[in-house]
Amino acid sequence: MLVHDPRMPKVGAQYLESQKKTKEQILYYLRMLCGLACASPVPPARGVTCLAVSLFGAWITSRAEQDAVTDVLQKVDQEDAWTTSRMQQDLKAQWNDHD
């Protein structure tokens, strides 16, 4: 819903500011989901986190946060039998492109 807000400006400086704010909000929610996935014993909670990470994980720039996301994905892979190895490879490639 944040990404497809029809009220967002489409051009100019307001557009750039709006995009920055949207990205910050999405990263905030992504961090919350990762925290919930680490704490939750329920596989669906981790599954939802994986979906969010697949959409917006490339936006994570902090090495510590990237490592934490990788840990969550590995936990899902090991404990929930939901293969995330391809997602991990893709994210690492995207993160290396940003470095």
Protein backbone atom coordinates (compact mmCIF):
# COMPACT_ATOMS: atom_id res chain seq x y z
CA MET A 1 0.00 0.00 0.00
CA LEU A 2 2.87 2.36 0.67
CA VAL A 3 4.42 1.84 -2.74
CA HIS A 4 1.20 2.30 -4.73
CA ASP A 5 -0.23 5.38 -3.03
CA PRO A 6 -2.09 7.38 -5.71
CA ARG A 7 -1.73 10.56 -3.64
CA MET A 8 2.06 10.56 -4.00
CA PRO A 9 3.54 13.31 -6.19
CA LYS A 10 4.64 12.07 -9.62
CA VAL A 11 7.40 14.56 -10.51
CA GLY A 12 9.80 17.09 -9.06
CA ALA A 13 11.39 17.60 -5.68
CA GLN A 14 8.22 16.54 -3.87
CA TYR A 15 8.40 13.23 -5.72
CA LEU A 16 11.96 12.60 -4.53
CA GLU A 17 11.07 13.48 -0.95
CA SER A 18 8.00 11.27 -1.13
CA GLN A 19 10.06 8.35 -2.48
CA LYS A 20 12.62 8.77 0.30
CA LYS A 21 9.90 8.80 2.96
CA THR A 22 8.22 5.74 1.46
CA LYS A 23 11.50 3.83 1.38
CA GLU A 24 12.18 4.71 5.03
CA GLN A 25 8.70 3.50 6.02
CA ILE A 26 9.08 0.25 4.12
CA LEU A 27 12.47 -0.41 5.70
CA TYR A 28 10.98 0.30 9.13
CA TYR A 29 8.26 -2.30 8.58
CA LEU A 30 10.75 -4.74 7.08
CA ARG A 31 12.89 -4.47 10.22
CA MET A 32 9.82 -5.09 12.36
CA LEU A 33 8.91 -8.17 10.34
CA CYS A 34 12.45 -9.53 10.64
CA GLY A 35 12.33 -9.02 14.40
CA LEU A 36 9.01 -10.82 14.60
CA ALA A 37 10.36 -13.65 12.46
CA CYS A 38 13.31 -14.09 14.81
CA ALA A 39 11.06 -14.20 17.86
CA SER A 40 8.13 -16.16 16.48
CA PRO A 41 7.90 -19.95 16.64
CA VAL A 42 5.13 -19.83 14.01
CA PRO A 43 6.27 -20.62 10.43
CA PRO A 44 3.68 -18.38 8.70
CA ALA A 45 5.14 -15.32 10.44
CA ARG A 46 8.52 -16.12 8.96
CA GLY A 47 6.95 -16.82 5.57
CA VAL A 48 5.42 -13.35 5.42
CA THR A 49 8.82 -11.93 6.30
CA CYS A 50 10.38 -13.84 3.41
CA LEU A 51 7.87 -12.31 1.02
CA ALA A 52 8.67 -8.81 2.25
CA VAL A 53 12.41 -9.50 2.07
CA SER A 54 12.07 -10.77 -1.49
CA LEU A 55 10.38 -7.50 -2.48
CA PHE A 56 12.42 -4.96 -0.54
CA GLY A 57 15.52 -6.71 0.83
CA ALA A 58 17.75 -5.11 -1.78
CA TRP A 59 17.13 -1.73 -0.13
CA ILE A 60 18.95 -2.80 3.04
CA THR A 61 22.36 -1.14 3.05
CA SER A 62 23.69 -1.83 6.54
CA ARG A 63 26.00 -4.86 6.66
CA ALA A 64 24.70 -5.80 10.12
CA GLU A 65 21.10 -5.71 8.88
CA GLN A 66 22.03 -7.70 5.79
CA ASP A 67 23.59 -10.37 8.03
CA ALA A 68 20.48 -10.40 10.22
CA VAL A 69 18.23 -10.87 7.18
CA THR A 70 20.45 -13.70 5.96
CA ASP A 71 20.16 -15.32 9.40
CA VAL A 72 16.36 -15.10 9.24
CA LEU A 73 16.34 -16.67 5.79
CA GLN A 74 18.64 -19.46 6.93
CA LYS A 75 16.37 -20.10 9.92
CA VAL A 76 13.37 -20.37 7.61
CA ASP A 77 15.33 -22.71 5.36
CA GLN A 78 16.35 -25.00 8.22
CA GLU A 79 13.32 -24.93 10.51
CA ASP A 80 10.39 -24.40 8.15
CA ALA A 81 11.62 -26.38 5.13
CA TRP A 82 10.99 -23.40 2.88
CA THR A 83 13.95 -23.10 0.54
CA THR A 84 15.43 -19.62 0.63
CA SER A 85 18.86 -20.33 -0.84
CA ARG A 86 18.02 -18.70 -4.18
CA MET A 87 16.65 -15.62 -2.42
CA GLN A 88 19.82 -15.42 -0.33
CA GLN A 89 21.98 -15.62 -3.46
CA ASP A 90 19.95 -12.94 -5.22
CA LEU A 91 20.07 -10.60 -2.23
CA LYS A 92 23.82 -11.03 -1.78
CA ALA A 93 24.34 -10.25 -5.47
CA GLN A 94 22.18 -7.12 -5.19
CA TRP A 95 23.94 -6.03 -2.01
CA ASN A 96 27.35 -6.50 -3.68
CA ASP A 97 26.18 -4.37 -6.62
CA HIS A 98 25.45 -1.51 -4.19
CA ASP A 99 28.92 -1.69 -2.57
